[in-house]
Protein backbone atom coordinates (compact mmCIF):
# COMPACT_ATOMS: atom_id res chain seq x y z
CA MET A 1 -13.07 -22.16 -48.88
CA THR A 2 -12.84 -18.58 -47.55
CA THR A 3 -15.61 -16.38 -49.03
CA GLU A 4 -17.15 -13.00 -48.36
CA TYR A 5 -19.19 -14.68 -45.60
CA ARG A 6 -16.23 -16.46 -44.03
CA PRO A 7 -13.51 -14.07 -42.88
CA THR A 8 -9.86 -14.76 -43.54
CA ILE A 9 -7.89 -15.80 -40.47
CA ALA A 10 -4.33 -14.76 -41.16
CA ALA A 11 -1.36 -16.78 -39.93
CA VAL A 12 0.38 -15.57 -36.79
CA PRO A 13 3.25 -13.27 -37.89
CA LEU A 14 6.77 -14.62 -37.76
CA GLY A 15 8.60 -13.72 -34.58
CA VAL A 16 5.44 -13.69 -32.43
CA HIS A 17 5.56 -16.12 -29.50
CA ARG A 18 3.41 -19.19 -30.24
CA PRO A 19 2.13 -20.97 -27.13
CA ARG A 20 0.67 -24.42 -27.51
CA TRP A 21 -2.78 -23.22 -26.40
CA SER A 22 -5.00 -20.20 -26.97
CA VAL A 23 -8.00 -20.29 -24.64
CA MET A 24 -10.19 -17.54 -26.03
CA ILE A 25 -13.22 -16.64 -23.91
CA PRO A 26 -15.95 -14.70 -25.75
CA THR A 27 -18.37 -12.93 -23.41
CA TYR A 28 -21.58 -10.96 -23.61
CA GLN A 29 -23.70 -10.15 -20.57
CA CYS A 30 -22.50 -13.20 -18.64
CA ALA A 31 -20.19 -11.69 -16.01
CA ARG A 32 -22.04 -13.52 -13.22
CA TYR A 33 -20.68 -16.82 -14.58
CA LEU A 34 -17.28 -15.63 -15.77
CA ALA A 35 -15.42 -16.21 -12.50
CA ASP A 36 -16.30 -19.92 -12.59
CA THR A 37 -15.19 -20.15 -16.23
CA LEU A 38 -11.85 -18.48 -15.54
CA GLN A 39 -11.14 -20.52 -12.43
CA ALA A 40 -11.79 -23.76 -14.36
CA VAL A 41 -9.09 -22.74 -16.85
CA LEU A 42 -6.62 -21.27 -14.39
CA CYS A 43 -6.55 -24.38 -12.24
CA GLN A 44 -5.18 -26.21 -15.32
CA ASP A 45 -2.87 -23.40 -16.45
CA PRO A 46 0.49 -24.75 -17.68
CA GLY A 47 1.97 -21.26 -17.64
CA HIS A 48 2.24 -18.18 -19.85
CA ASP A 49 4.68 -19.77 -22.30
CA ALA A 50 2.31 -22.68 -22.98
CA MET A 51 -1.13 -21.04 -22.82
CA GLN A 52 -2.66 -17.75 -23.89
CA ILE A 53 -5.83 -16.96 -21.92
CA GLU A 54 -7.89 -13.98 -23.04
CA VAL A 55 -11.43 -12.70 -22.55
CA VAL A 56 -12.92 -11.04 -25.65
CA ASP A 57 -16.00 -9.06 -24.64
CA ASP A 58 -18.74 -7.97 -27.04
CA HIS A 59 -19.33 -4.59 -25.40
CA SER A 60 -21.19 -5.90 -22.34
CA THR A 61 -22.66 -3.64 -19.68
CA ASP A 62 -22.10 -6.00 -16.72
CA ASP A 63 -18.37 -5.26 -16.27
CA PRO A 64 -16.57 -8.48 -17.22
CA GLU A 65 -13.29 -6.56 -17.12
CA THR A 66 -13.45 -6.28 -13.35
CA VAL A 67 -14.16 -10.01 -13.03
CA THR A 68 -11.24 -10.77 -15.34
CA ARG A 69 -8.92 -8.55 -13.33
CA ASP A 70 -10.04 -9.86 -9.95
CA VAL A 71 -9.96 -13.55 -10.87
CA GLY A 72 -7.14 -13.48 -13.42
CA GLY A 73 -4.75 -11.45 -11.31
CA GLY A 74 -2.94 -10.19 -14.40
CA ARG A 75 -2.65 -13.66 -15.96
CA VAL A 76 -5.72 -13.28 -18.23
CA GLY A 77 -5.83 -10.78 -21.08
CA PHE A 78 -8.90 -8.66 -21.77
CA PHE A 79 -10.16 -7.10 -24.99
CA ARG A 80 -13.41 -5.15 -25.30
CA GLN A 81 -15.16 -4.58 -28.61
CA PRO A 82 -15.70 -0.82 -29.21
CA ALA A 83 -19.33 -1.63 -30.10
CA ASN A 84 -21.52 -4.74 -30.01
CA VAL A 85 -20.76 -6.88 -33.07
CA GLY A 86 -22.73 -10.07 -32.36
CA HIS A 87 -21.35 -13.38 -31.21
CA ALA A 88 -20.25 -14.73 -34.63
CA ARG A 89 -18.05 -11.69 -35.23
CA ASN A 90 -16.87 -11.82 -31.64
CA PHE A 91 -15.75 -15.41 -32.34
CA GLU A 92 -13.94 -14.02 -35.38
CA THR A 93 -12.09 -11.54 -33.17
CA CYS A 94 -11.14 -14.40 -30.84
CA LEU A 95 -9.61 -16.34 -33.72
CA ARG A 96 -7.71 -13.35 -35.04
CA ARG A 97 -6.30 -12.49 -31.60
CA SER A 98 -5.29 -16.10 -30.87
CA ARG A 99 -1.60 -17.00 -31.17
CA GLY A 100 -1.55 -20.61 -30.03
CA GLN A 101 -1.26 -23.76 -32.09
CA LEU A 102 -4.51 -25.11 -30.60
CA VAL A 103 -7.54 -22.85 -30.16
CA HIS A 104 -10.24 -23.46 -27.58
CA LEU A 105 -13.28 -21.17 -27.75
CA LEU A 106 -14.85 -21.23 -24.30
CA HIS A 107 -17.95 -19.10 -23.77
CA GLY A 108 -17.80 -16.96 -20.67
CA ASP A 109 -20.74 -18.85 -19.14
CA ASP A 110 -19.44 -22.37 -19.90
CA GLY A 111 -16.63 -24.39 -18.37
CA VAL A 112 -14.23 -27.32 -18.45
CA ARG A 113 -13.56 -30.07 -15.94
CA ASP A 114 -10.17 -30.98 -14.52
CA GLY A 115 -8.00 -32.66 -17.10
CA PHE A 116 -9.58 -31.10 -20.17
CA TYR A 117 -6.42 -29.52 -21.56
CA ALA A 118 -4.06 -32.38 -20.77
CA THR A 119 -6.47 -34.91 -22.27
CA MET A 120 -7.11 -32.95 -25.44
CA GLU A 121 -3.39 -32.27 -25.79
CA ARG A 122 -2.75 -36.00 -25.84
CA ALA A 123 -5.23 -36.41 -28.69
CA PHE A 124 -3.27 -34.06 -30.94
CA ARG A 125 0.03 -35.71 -30.04
CA THR A 126 -1.38 -39.20 -30.59
CA ALA A 127 -2.93 -38.37 -33.97
CA PRO A 128 -0.90 -35.56 -35.60
CA SER A 129 -3.09 -35.58 -38.73
CA ILE A 130 -6.28 -34.49 -36.98
CA GLY A 131 -7.60 -30.99 -37.51
CA ALA A 132 -9.79 -30.93 -34.40
CA ALA A 133 -10.78 -32.90 -31.33
CA PHE A 134 -13.90 -32.85 -29.16
CA CYS A 135 -15.08 -34.54 -26.00
CA ARG A 136 -18.40 -35.51 -24.48
CA GLN A 137 -20.22 -32.60 -22.89
CA ILE A 138 -22.33 -32.06 -19.82
CA ILE A 139 -25.35 -29.75 -20.10
CA THR A 140 -25.95 -27.74 -16.93
CA ASP A 141 -28.65 -25.38 -15.76
CA ALA A 142 -28.11 -21.76 -14.75
CA ASP A 143 -26.83 -22.86 -11.33
CA GLY A 144 -24.36 -25.35 -12.73
CA ASN A 145 -26.39 -28.46 -11.90
CA TRP A 146 -25.89 -31.31 -14.34
CA VAL A 147 -29.02 -32.06 -16.36
CA HIS A 148 -27.72 -34.15 -19.27
CA ILE A 149 -24.57 -35.88 -20.54
CA SER A 150 -24.20 -36.29 -24.28
CA PRO A 151 -24.38 -39.91 -25.50
CA LEU A 152 -21.27 -41.75 -26.60
CA GLU A 153 -20.36 -41.32 -30.24
CA GLN A 154 -18.14 -44.41 -30.08
CA ASP A 155 -16.94 -46.75 -27.34
CA GLN A 156 -13.30 -45.68 -27.25
CA SER A 157 -11.42 -42.42 -27.67
CA GLY A 158 -9.77 -42.00 -31.05
CA VAL A 159 -10.25 -40.69 -34.57
CA ILE A 160 -13.98 -40.89 -35.15
CA GLU A 161 -15.21 -42.89 -38.14
CA GLY A 162 -17.98 -41.64 -40.42
CA TRP A 163 -17.97 -38.29 -38.67
CA LEU A 164 -18.89 -36.16 -41.69
CA ASP A 165 -22.22 -37.91 -42.24
CA ARG A 166 -23.05 -37.81 -38.53
CA ILE A 167 -22.26 -34.15 -37.94
CA ALA A 168 -23.84 -33.05 -41.25
CA SER A 169 -27.11 -34.71 -40.19
CA GLY A 170 -27.43 -32.45 -37.14
CA GLN A 171 -25.57 -30.65 -34.38
CA ARG A 172 -24.08 -33.13 -31.91
CA LEU A 173 -21.80 -30.99 -29.74
CA GLN A 174 -21.42 -27.55 -28.26
CA THR A 175 -18.51 -25.17 -28.76
CA PRO A 176 -16.72 -25.65 -25.39
CA ALA A 177 -16.23 -29.34 -26.21
CA MET A 178 -14.21 -28.60 -29.38
CA VAL A 179 -10.52 -27.76 -29.86
CA VAL A 180 -9.23 -26.83 -33.34
CA ARG A 181 -5.75 -26.39 -34.76
CA ARG A 182 -5.32 -22.71 -35.60
CA GLU A 183 -3.95 -23.61 -39.03
CA VAL A 184 -7.33 -25.20 -39.81
CA TYR A 185 -9.05 -21.84 -39.33
CA GLU A 186 -6.30 -20.25 -41.42
CA ARG A 187 -7.10 -22.65 -44.25
CA LEU A 188 -10.89 -22.76 -44.02
CA GLY A 189 -11.70 -19.25 -42.79
CA GLY A 190 -13.72 -18.12 -39.80
CA PHE A 191 -17.34 -18.65 -38.80
CA ASP A 192 -20.02 -18.01 -41.43
CA ARG A 193 -21.49 -14.54 -40.91
CA ARG A 194 -24.84 -15.51 -42.46
CA LEU A 195 -25.72 -17.59 -39.41
CA THR A 196 -26.92 -16.33 -36.05
CA TRP A 197 -26.90 -19.48 -33.93
CA THR A 198 -25.62 -22.42 -35.97
CA GLU A 199 -22.31 -20.93 -37.08
CA ASP A 200 -20.48 -23.46 -34.89
CA TRP A 201 -22.34 -26.43 -36.43
CA GLU A 202 -21.51 -25.23 -39.94
CA MET A 203 -17.86 -24.90 -38.91
CA TRP A 204 -17.68 -28.43 -37.49
CA VAL A 205 -19.11 -29.80 -40.75
CA ARG A 206 -16.63 -27.75 -42.78
CA ILE A 207 -13.74 -29.10 -40.71
CA ALA A 208 -15.02 -32.68 -41.07
CA MET A 209 -15.01 -32.23 -44.85
CA HIS A 210 -11.25 -31.65 -44.83
CA PHE A 211 -9.66 -33.20 -41.72
CA PRO A 212 -9.87 -36.26 -39.48
CA VAL A 213 -11.42 -35.46 -36.08
CA TRP A 214 -10.67 -37.05 -32.71
CA TYR A 215 -13.38 -38.00 -30.21
CA GLU A 216 -12.70 -38.17 -26.48
CA THR A 217 -15.14 -40.30 -24.49
CA ALA A 218 -14.58 -38.48 -21.17
CA PRO A 219 -17.21 -35.78 -20.45
CA LEU A 220 -14.86 -32.84 -19.84
CA ALA A 221 -16.78 -29.81 -21.20
CA LEU A 222 -19.64 -27.98 -19.48
CA TYR A 223 -22.31 -26.16 -21.49
CA ARG A 224 -24.60 -23.94 -19.45
CA VAL A 225 -28.19 -23.31 -20.58
CA HIS A 226 -29.94 -20.28 -19.12
CA SER A 227 -32.50 -17.75 -20.26
CA GLN A 228 -30.00 -14.91 -20.77
CA SER A 229 -27.60 -16.82 -23.01
CA SER A 230 -27.68 -16.17 -26.76
CA SER A 231 -29.02 -19.68 -27.34
CA GLY A 232 -31.61 -19.28 -24.58
CA ARG A 233 -32.93 -16.05 -26.07
CA GLN A 234 -33.14 -17.45 -29.60
CA ILE A 235 -34.72 -20.73 -28.52
CA ASN A 236 -37.65 -18.81 -27.00
CA THR A 237 -38.47 -17.21 -30.36
CA ALA A 238 -37.74 -20.32 -32.50
CA GLU A 239 -35.02 -18.34 -34.28
CA THR A 240 -32.83 -21.37 -33.66
CA ILE A 241 -35.03 -23.46 -35.97
CA ARG A 242 -34.97 -20.83 -38.71
CA ASP A 243 -31.20 -20.58 -38.45
CA VAL A 244 -30.79 -24.36 -38.69
CA ARG A 245 -32.69 -24.24 -41.99
CA ARG A 246 -30.32 -21.56 -43.26
CA ALA A 247 -27.34 -23.68 -42.22
CA ILE A 248 -28.74 -26.77 -43.96
CA GLU A 249 -28.93 -24.92 -47.26
CA ILE A 250 -25.37 -23.64 -46.84
CA LEU A 251 -24.14 -27.17 -46.11
CA ARG A 252 -26.06 -28.66 -49.02
CA ALA A 253 -24.06 -26.46 -51.39
CA TYR A 254 -20.68 -27.96 -50.48
CA LEU A 255 -21.28 -31.45 -49.08
CA PRO A 256 -20.33 -34.34 -51.41
CA VAL A 257 -22.81 -34.23 -54.30
CA GLU A 258 -23.76 -37.87 -54.02
CA ARG A 259 -24.77 -37.49 -50.35
CA ALA A 260 -25.75 -33.84 -49.98
CA ASP A 261 -29.50 -34.23 -50.52
CA ALA A 262 -29.81 -37.29 -48.29
CA LEU A 263 -27.88 -35.62 -45.48
CA ALA A 264 -29.96 -32.45 -45.85
CA ARG A 265 -33.18 -34.48 -45.60
CA GLN A 266 -31.92 -36.16 -42.43
CA ALA A 267 -31.05 -32.77 -40.93
CA ILE A 268 -34.44 -31.32 -41.91
CA HIS A 269 -36.28 -34.28 -40.39
CA ALA A 270 -34.30 -34.08 -37.15
CA THR A 271 -34.82 -30.31 -36.93
CA ALA A 272 -38.58 -30.52 -37.41
CA HIS A 273 -38.93 -33.13 -34.69
CA ALA A 274 -36.65 -31.14 -32.37
CA ALA A 275 -38.99 -28.17 -32.87
CA ILE A 276 -41.98 -30.34 -31.92
CA ARG A 277 -40.22 -31.55 -28.75
CA ARG A 278 -39.36 -28.02 -27.72
CA GLY A 279 -42.88 -26.89 -28.48
CA ARG A 280 -44.25 -29.58 -26.16
CA ARG A 281 -41.92 -28.48 -23.37
CA PHE A 282 -42.90 -24.84 -23.78
CA ALA A 283 -46.60 -25.75 -23.83
CA ALA A 284 -46.23 -27.84 -20.68
CA SER A 285 -44.48 -24.90 -18.99
CA GLY A 286 -47.21 -22.46 -20.03
CA VAL A 287 -44.94 -20.49 -22.39
CA ARG A 288 -47.55 -20.46 -25.12
CA ALA A 289 -46.07 -18.00 -27.60
CA ALA A 290 -42.82 -19.97 -27.76
CA ALA A 291 -44.75 -23.24 -28.10
CA ARG A 292 -46.77 -21.90 -31.03
CA ALA A 293 -43.67 -20.48 -32.70
CA HIS A 294 -42.00 -23.88 -32.57
CA ALA A 295 -45.08 -25.66 -33.92
CA TYR A 296 -45.20 -23.22 -36.82
CA GLU A 297 -41.49 -23.56 -37.59
CA ALA A 298 -41.68 -27.36 -37.37
CA VAL A 299 -44.20 -27.44 -40.22
CA ARG A 300 -42.24 -24.89 -42.22
CA THR A 301 -39.21 -27.14 -41.86
CA GLU A 302 -40.89 -30.42 -42.87
CA ALA A 303 -44.58 -30.56 -43.75
CA SER A 304 -44.83 -34.34 -43.33
CA PRO A 305 -47.94 -35.98 -41.84
CA GLY A 306 -46.10 -36.84 -38.62
CA VAL A 307 -44.78 -33.31 -38.14
CA ILE A 308 -48.15 -31.72 -38.96
CA ALA A 309 -49.85 -33.99 -36.43
CA GLY A 310 -47.24 -33.19 -33.79
CA ALA A 311 -47.54 -29.47 -34.42
CA ALA A 312 -51.32 -29.69 -34.14
CA ARG A 313 -51.00 -31.36 -30.75
CA VAL A 314 -48.67 -28.59 -29.58
CA MET A 315 -51.10 -25.91 -30.78
CA LEU A 316 -53.99 -27.68 -29.04
CA ALA A 317 -51.99 -27.84 -25.82
CA THR A 318 -51.57 -24.06 -25.90
CA LEU A 319 -55.35 -23.67 -25.90
CA LEU A 320 -55.91 -25.76 -22.79
CA PRO A 321 -55.89 -24.24 -19.30
CA THR A 322 -52.49 -24.27 -17.61
CA ARG A 323 -52.43 -26.79 -14.81
CA ARG A 324 -51.93 -25.28 -11.39
CA PRO A 325 -50.60 -27.11 -8.36
CA PRO A 326 -53.24 -27.83 -5.69
CA GLU A 327 -53.54 -25.27 -2.95
CA ALA A 328 -52.13 -26.16 0.43
CA PRO A 329 -54.75 -27.15 2.98
């Protein structure tokens, strides 16, 4: 499965110490959140022999090294890219530097709740055939306030049935919720370099093509949404929608032939309607350029009557005066 777009992840050399866990923390311009991320991991730290913890920074200017040193106290490794390489290639560096049997990619502005590592560890021991495991996730705002909990995928924790069709129809989880056996990356390669935002979604589909996946019902991962995150920046310009379309075409090429087109149509439909919903939110907030961009990309994604009508309503909303709160008496 490894191609020119998917880097080879070599096996850990013989003789190198293999902890059970590699918690790899990619960062870029998120030092203000990094202390919380590190503390969430360190309070569950089983010790150096069992867990590698390392920050891999994409040449930030906000000094994550000092945060790592102050919070980690020598327990957390730090690697800085010599130049900015983009988050997909920074993920690639994380995978290559990992030594553990289980790899957890945890963005430097995200987090985990107490019990994450022990719970996910049990999943791999309970079902040795799985290639990956993920849990429910909590979406937070910039201040860490909970704003949404992902819906249940199934009623009980365990190997998830029909996962390939579900995940191929659209992104259903964020990176901090997922743990992957390192040998899976060694077999399938790293994140696809053609993608700028959906490289994680494409990876989860690729894994589901080849391995059973475990689902944990407990919401143990925290995904922070804020304007300075890579997803926040790309959402404002609707680049996220364009990148989803690129990912859908990549997936269509290797999904089972008898289901590829149907799954692609489902993903296209869901993406177009997601663009309309975001456009409405931007219009309601007065962010008119972002609203128009999403309306435009919705129609480019699926020019169905329902999507065209929804996009027209978004465009109309951007022409109306922005509502202002009444003045105080």
